[in-house]
Amino acid sequence: MKDNVKGGALTEVTFFILLALHTPRHGYAIMQFIEEKTGGRLVLGAGSLYGALNTLTEKKWIEPCGDSRGRTKECRITAEGRAIAQKELCRLRDLVNTASEIMEEQS
């Protein structure tokens, strides 16, 4: 997972995981959320997802929550993770606005 935090750019997978965890979810629910929200364009395997969750937990962008006694462990986004996701949303909006201006000039 190559996220460029200095430049503000997140991978699409990281961004969608952060979006998914605005509501506490376990791994399978995160995979379903991402597949549904992207119309099947992004489909995560368990290995990729759990590797990403470990990395995001280490970065303190997400944290475990709820009862962790069972096999399914829920996670949620942290305040830092929300700030990172908000920054990415602003970056993407700027990107779309710039691209739209350029493409409209060429029409």
N, C-alpha and C. Protein backbone atom coordinates (compact mmCIF):
# COMPACT_ATOMS: atom_id res chain seq x y z
N MET A 1 0.86 -1.17 0.00
CA MET A 1 0.00 0.00 0.00
C MET A 1 0.90 1.22 0.00
N LYS A 2 0.92 1.94 -1.10
CA LYS A 2 1.80 3.10 -1.25
C LYS A 2 0.97 4.38 -1.18
N ASP A 3 0.92 4.97 -0.01
CA ASP A 3 0.21 6.23 0.16
C ASP A 3 1.23 7.34 0.28
N ASN A 4 0.98 8.43 -0.42
CA ASN A 4 1.87 9.58 -0.38
C ASN A 4 1.25 10.61 0.54
N VAL A 5 1.52 10.47 1.83
CA VAL A 5 0.88 11.35 2.82
C VAL A 5 1.37 12.78 2.67
N LYS A 6 2.65 12.97 2.35
CA LYS A 6 3.16 14.34 2.19
C LYS A 6 2.42 15.05 1.07
N GLY A 7 2.24 14.36 -0.04
CA GLY A 7 1.53 14.96 -1.17
C GLY A 7 0.03 14.86 -1.01
N GLY A 8 -0.43 14.11 -0.04
CA GLY A 8 -1.85 13.98 0.21
C GLY A 8 -2.53 12.88 -0.56
N ALA A 9 -1.83 12.22 -1.47
CA ALA A 9 -2.47 11.20 -2.30
C ALA A 9 -2.51 9.86 -1.59
N LEU A 10 -3.71 9.30 -1.51
CA LEU A 10 -3.89 7.95 -0.97
C LEU A 10 -4.17 7.01 -2.12
N THR A 11 -3.91 5.73 -1.90
CA THR A 11 -4.35 4.77 -2.89
C THR A 11 -5.88 4.71 -2.82
N GLU A 12 -6.48 4.27 -3.89
CA GLU A 12 -7.94 4.17 -3.91
C GLU A 12 -8.43 3.18 -2.85
N VAL A 13 -7.70 2.09 -2.68
CA VAL A 13 -8.09 1.09 -1.68
C VAL A 13 -8.04 1.69 -0.28
N THR A 14 -6.97 2.40 0.04
CA THR A 14 -6.87 3.03 1.36
C THR A 14 -8.02 4.00 1.59
N PHE A 15 -8.30 4.81 0.59
CA PHE A 15 -9.38 5.79 0.72
C PHE A 15 -10.72 5.10 0.97
N PHE A 16 -11.00 4.05 0.22
CA PHE A 16 -12.27 3.34 0.41
C PHE A 16 -12.34 2.62 1.75
N ILE A 17 -11.22 2.10 2.24
CA ILE A 17 -11.24 1.48 3.57
C ILE A 17 -11.57 2.54 4.62
N LEU A 18 -10.95 3.70 4.53
CA LEU A 18 -11.25 4.77 5.48
C LEU A 18 -12.72 5.19 5.39
N LEU A 19 -13.24 5.27 4.17
CA LEU A 19 -14.66 5.61 4.01
C LEU A 19 -15.55 4.54 4.63
N ALA A 20 -15.20 3.28 4.40
CA ALA A 20 -15.99 2.17 4.94
C ALA A 20 -16.05 2.21 6.46
N LEU A 21 -14.97 2.66 7.07
CA LEU A 21 -14.88 2.60 8.53
C LEU A 21 -15.42 3.83 9.24
N HIS A 22 -16.13 4.69 8.50
CA HIS A 22 -16.88 5.75 9.18
C HIS A 22 -18.00 5.13 10.01
N THR A 23 -18.37 3.91 9.64
CA THR A 23 -19.26 3.07 10.44
C THR A 23 -18.45 1.85 10.83
N PRO A 24 -18.40 1.47 12.10
CA PRO A 24 -17.61 0.29 12.47
C PRO A 24 -18.03 -0.94 11.65
N ARG A 25 -17.02 -1.64 11.13
CA ARG A 25 -17.26 -2.83 10.31
C ARG A 25 -16.16 -3.85 10.55
N HIS A 26 -16.48 -5.10 10.29
CA HIS A 26 -15.47 -6.16 10.30
C HIS A 26 -15.00 -6.37 8.86
N GLY A 27 -13.98 -7.18 8.69
CA GLY A 27 -13.33 -7.35 7.40
C GLY A 27 -14.25 -7.66 6.24
N TYR A 28 -15.10 -8.67 6.38
CA TYR A 28 -15.98 -9.06 5.27
C TYR A 28 -16.93 -7.92 4.91
N ALA A 29 -17.42 -7.20 5.91
CA ALA A 29 -18.33 -6.08 5.66
C ALA A 29 -17.60 -4.94 4.93
N ILE A 30 -16.31 -4.76 5.23
CA ILE A 30 -15.52 -3.76 4.52
C ILE A 30 -15.40 -4.15 3.05
N MET A 31 -15.10 -5.42 2.79
CA MET A 31 -14.99 -5.90 1.41
C MET A 31 -16.30 -5.70 0.65
N GLN A 32 -17.42 -6.02 1.29
CA GLN A 32 -18.74 -5.85 0.67
C GLN A 32 -19.01 -4.37 0.37
N PHE A 33 -18.72 -3.50 1.34
CA PHE A 33 -18.93 -2.06 1.19
C PHE A 33 -18.18 -1.55 -0.03
N ILE A 34 -16.90 -1.89 -0.13
CA ILE A 34 -16.07 -1.39 -1.23
C ILE A 34 -16.55 -1.92 -2.56
N GLU A 35 -16.88 -3.20 -2.62
CA GLU A 35 -17.37 -3.77 -3.88
C GLU A 35 -18.68 -3.11 -4.29
N GLU A 36 -19.58 -2.89 -3.33
CA GLU A 36 -20.87 -2.27 -3.62
C GLU A 36 -20.70 -0.82 -4.08
N LYS A 37 -19.91 -0.05 -3.33
CA LYS A 37 -19.76 1.39 -3.63
C LYS A 37 -19.02 1.64 -4.94
N THR A 38 -18.20 0.68 -5.38
CA THR A 38 -17.48 0.85 -6.64
C THR A 38 -18.14 0.08 -7.78
N GLY A 39 -19.31 -0.45 -7.55
CA GLY A 39 -20.00 -1.20 -8.59
C GLY A 39 -19.22 -2.41 -9.06
N GLY A 40 -18.44 -3.00 -8.16
CA GLY A 40 -17.66 -4.19 -8.49
C GLY A 40 -16.31 -3.89 -9.13
N ARG A 41 -16.00 -2.64 -9.33
CA ARG A 41 -14.72 -2.27 -9.95
C ARG A 41 -13.55 -2.62 -9.04
N LEU A 42 -13.73 -2.44 -7.73
CA LEU A 42 -12.70 -2.82 -6.76
C LEU A 42 -13.22 -4.01 -5.94
N VAL A 43 -12.47 -5.09 -6.00
CA VAL A 43 -12.80 -6.27 -5.21
C VAL A 43 -11.53 -6.65 -4.45
N LEU A 44 -11.60 -6.63 -3.14
CA LEU A 44 -10.42 -6.93 -2.31
C LEU A 44 -10.44 -8.37 -1.86
N GLY A 45 -9.29 -9.00 -1.91
CA GLY A 45 -9.13 -10.31 -1.30
C GLY A 45 -8.84 -10.15 0.18
N ALA A 46 -9.03 -11.21 0.92
CA ALA A 46 -8.83 -11.16 2.37
C ALA A 46 -7.39 -10.78 2.72
N GLY A 47 -6.42 -11.35 2.04
CA GLY A 47 -5.02 -11.06 2.34
C GLY A 47 -4.69 -9.59 2.15
N SER A 48 -5.15 -9.03 1.04
CA SER A 48 -4.90 -7.61 0.77
C SER A 48 -5.58 -6.73 1.81
N LEU A 49 -6.82 -7.06 2.13
CA LEU A 49 -7.56 -6.26 3.10
C LEU A 49 -6.90 -6.29 4.47
N TYR A 50 -6.59 -7.49 4.96
CA TYR A 50 -6.06 -7.57 6.32
C TYR A 50 -4.65 -6.98 6.41
N GLY A 51 -3.87 -7.06 5.35
CA GLY A 51 -2.58 -6.37 5.32
C GLY A 51 -2.78 -4.86 5.42
N ALA A 52 -3.75 -4.34 4.66
CA ALA A 52 -4.05 -2.91 4.69
C ALA A 52 -4.56 -2.49 6.06
N LEU A 53 -5.42 -3.30 6.67
CA LEU A 53 -5.95 -2.96 8.00
C LEU A 53 -4.83 -2.90 9.03
N ASN A 54 -3.89 -3.83 8.94
CA ASN A 54 -2.75 -3.80 9.87
C ASN A 54 -1.94 -2.52 9.69
N THR A 55 -1.68 -2.16 8.43
CA THR A 55 -0.91 -0.94 8.15
C THR A 55 -1.64 0.30 8.66
N LEU A 56 -2.95 0.38 8.40
CA LEU A 56 -3.72 1.54 8.83
C LEU A 56 -3.83 1.62 10.35
N THR A 57 -3.85 0.47 11.00
CA THR A 57 -3.85 0.45 12.47
C THR A 57 -2.51 0.96 13.00
N GLU A 58 -1.41 0.53 12.37
CA GLU A 58 -0.08 1.00 12.78
C GLU A 58 0.05 2.51 12.60
N LYS A 59 -0.57 3.04 11.54
CA LYS A 59 -0.53 4.49 11.30
C LYS A 59 -1.48 5.26 12.22
N LYS A 60 -2.30 4.52 12.94
CA LYS A 60 -3.31 5.08 13.85
C LYS A 60 -4.43 5.81 13.11
N TRP A 61 -4.68 5.38 11.88
CA TRP A 61 -5.78 5.94 11.10
C TRP A 61 -7.08 5.18 11.37
N ILE A 62 -6.96 3.94 11.85
CA ILE A 62 -8.11 3.15 12.26
C ILE A 62 -7.76 2.47 13.57
N GLU A 63 -8.80 1.97 14.26
CA GLU A 63 -8.57 1.28 15.53
C GLU A 63 -9.63 0.20 15.70
N PRO A 64 -9.28 -0.86 16.44
CA PRO A 64 -10.28 -1.88 16.74
C PRO A 64 -11.32 -1.30 17.69
N CYS A 65 -12.51 -1.83 17.63
CA CYS A 65 -13.56 -1.37 18.53
C CYS A 65 -14.49 -2.53 18.86
N GLY A 66 -15.28 -2.34 19.86
CA GLY A 66 -16.27 -3.35 20.23
C GLY A 66 -15.64 -4.56 20.90
N ASP A 67 -16.41 -5.61 20.94
CA ASP A 67 -16.01 -6.86 21.58
C ASP A 67 -15.10 -7.64 20.64
N SER A 68 -13.88 -7.87 21.03
CA SER A 68 -12.94 -8.57 20.15
C SER A 68 -12.76 -10.04 20.54
N ARG A 69 -13.71 -10.60 21.28
CA ARG A 69 -13.59 -11.99 21.70
C ARG A 69 -13.88 -12.97 20.57
N GLY A 70 -14.76 -12.58 19.65
CA GLY A 70 -15.11 -13.47 18.55
C GLY A 70 -14.09 -13.41 17.43
N ARG A 71 -14.35 -14.17 16.39
CA ARG A 71 -13.44 -14.18 15.23
C ARG A 71 -13.49 -12.88 14.46
N THR A 72 -14.68 -12.28 14.37
CA THR A 72 -14.81 -11.03 13.61
C THR A 72 -14.51 -9.86 14.53
N LYS A 73 -13.56 -9.05 14.11
CA LYS A 73 -13.17 -7.89 14.89
C LYS A 73 -13.53 -6.65 14.09
N GLU A 74 -14.29 -5.78 14.73
CA GLU A 74 -14.67 -4.54 14.06
C GLU A 74 -13.60 -3.49 14.25
N CYS A 75 -13.50 -2.63 13.23
CA CYS A 75 -12.61 -1.48 13.29
C CYS A 75 -13.43 -0.24 12.99
N ARG A 76 -12.86 0.91 13.35
CA ARG A 76 -13.47 2.19 13.02
C ARG A 76 -12.36 3.19 12.71
N ILE A 77 -12.73 4.23 12.02
CA ILE A 77 -11.78 5.27 11.68
C ILE A 77 -11.50 6.13 12.91
N THR A 78 -10.27 6.61 13.04
CA THR A 78 -9.90 7.51 14.14
C THR A 78 -10.03 8.96 13.68
N ALA A 79 -9.85 9.87 14.61
CA ALA A 79 -9.89 11.30 14.25
C ALA A 79 -8.80 11.61 13.22
N GLU A 80 -7.61 11.03 13.41
CA GLU A 80 -6.53 11.24 12.44
C GLU A 80 -6.90 10.67 11.08
N GLY A 81 -7.51 9.50 11.07
CA GLY A 81 -7.95 8.89 9.82
C GLY A 81 -8.99 9.74 9.10
N ARG A 82 -9.91 10.33 9.88
CA ARG A 82 -10.91 11.22 9.29
C ARG A 82 -10.25 12.44 8.64
N ALA A 83 -9.26 12.98 9.32
CA ALA A 83 -8.55 14.15 8.78
C ALA A 83 -7.83 13.79 7.48
N ILE A 84 -7.22 12.61 7.44
CA ILE A 84 -6.53 12.14 6.23
C ILE A 84 -7.53 11.94 5.10
N ALA A 85 -8.68 11.32 5.39
CA ALA A 85 -9.71 11.10 4.37
C ALA A 85 -10.27 12.43 3.86
N GLN A 86 -10.47 13.39 4.75
CA GLN A 86 -10.97 14.71 4.35
C GLN A 86 -9.97 15.41 3.44
N LYS A 87 -8.70 15.32 3.79
CA LYS A 87 -7.65 15.92 2.97
C LYS A 87 -7.64 15.29 1.57
N GLU A 88 -7.81 13.98 1.51
CA GLU A 88 -7.85 13.29 0.21
C GLU A 88 -9.07 13.72 -0.59
N LEU A 89 -10.20 13.87 0.05
CA LEU A 89 -11.41 14.32 -0.64
C LEU A 89 -11.18 15.70 -1.25
N CYS A 90 -10.57 16.61 -0.51
CA CYS A 90 -10.26 17.94 -1.04
C CYS A 90 -9.30 17.85 -2.22
N ARG A 91 -8.29 16.99 -2.13
CA ARG A 91 -7.33 16.82 -3.21
C ARG A 91 -8.02 16.30 -4.47
N LEU A 92 -8.91 15.34 -4.29
CA LEU A 92 -9.63 14.78 -5.44
C LEU A 92 -10.57 15.80 -6.07
N ARG A 93 -11.23 16.60 -5.25
CA ARG A 93 -12.09 17.66 -5.79
C ARG A 93 -11.27 18.65 -6.62
N ASP A 94 -10.11 19.05 -6.11
CA ASP A 94 -9.23 19.96 -6.85
C ASP A 94 -8.80 19.34 -8.17
N LEU A 95 -8.47 18.06 -8.13
CA LEU A 95 -8.06 17.34 -9.34
C LEU A 95 -9.16 17.35 -10.39
N VAL A 96 -10.37 17.04 -9.97
CA VAL A 96 -11.51 17.01 -10.90
C VAL A 96 -11.79 18.41 -11.44
N ASN A 97 -11.75 19.41 -10.58
CA ASN A 97 -12.01 20.78 -11.04
C ASN A 97 -10.97 21.23 -12.06
N THR A 98 -9.71 20.95 -11.79
CA THR A 98 -8.64 21.33 -12.73
C THR A 98 -8.80 20.59 -14.05
N ALA A 99 -9.05 19.29 -13.98
CA ALA A 99 -9.22 18.50 -15.20
C ALA A 99 -10.43 18.99 -16.00
N SER A 100 -11.51 19.31 -15.33
CA SER A 100 -12.71 19.80 -16.01
C SER A 100 -12.44 21.12 -16.72
N GLU A 101 -11.75 22.03 -16.04
CA GLU A 101 -11.40 23.31 -16.66
C GLU A 101 -10.56 23.11 -17.91
N ILE A 102 -9.56 22.28 -17.82
CA ILE A 102 -8.67 22.03 -18.95
C ILE A 102 -9.44 21.39 -20.11
N MET A 103 -10.26 20.40 -19.81
CA MET A 103 -10.99 19.71 -20.87
C MET A 103 -12.05 20.58 -21.50
N GLU A 104 -12.67 21.45 -20.70
CA GLU A 104 -13.66 22.37 -21.25
C GLU A 104 -13.01 23.41 -22.15
N GLU A 105 -11.80 23.84 -21.81
CA GLU A 105 -11.05 24.78 -22.65
C GLU A 105 -10.75 24.17 -24.02
N GLN A 106 -10.55 22.87 -24.05
CA GLN A 106 -10.19 22.18 -25.28
C GLN A 106 -11.40 21.85 -26.15
N SER A 107 -12.60 22.04 -25.61
CA SER A 107 -13.82 21.69 -26.37
C SER A 107 -14.22 22.76 -27.34
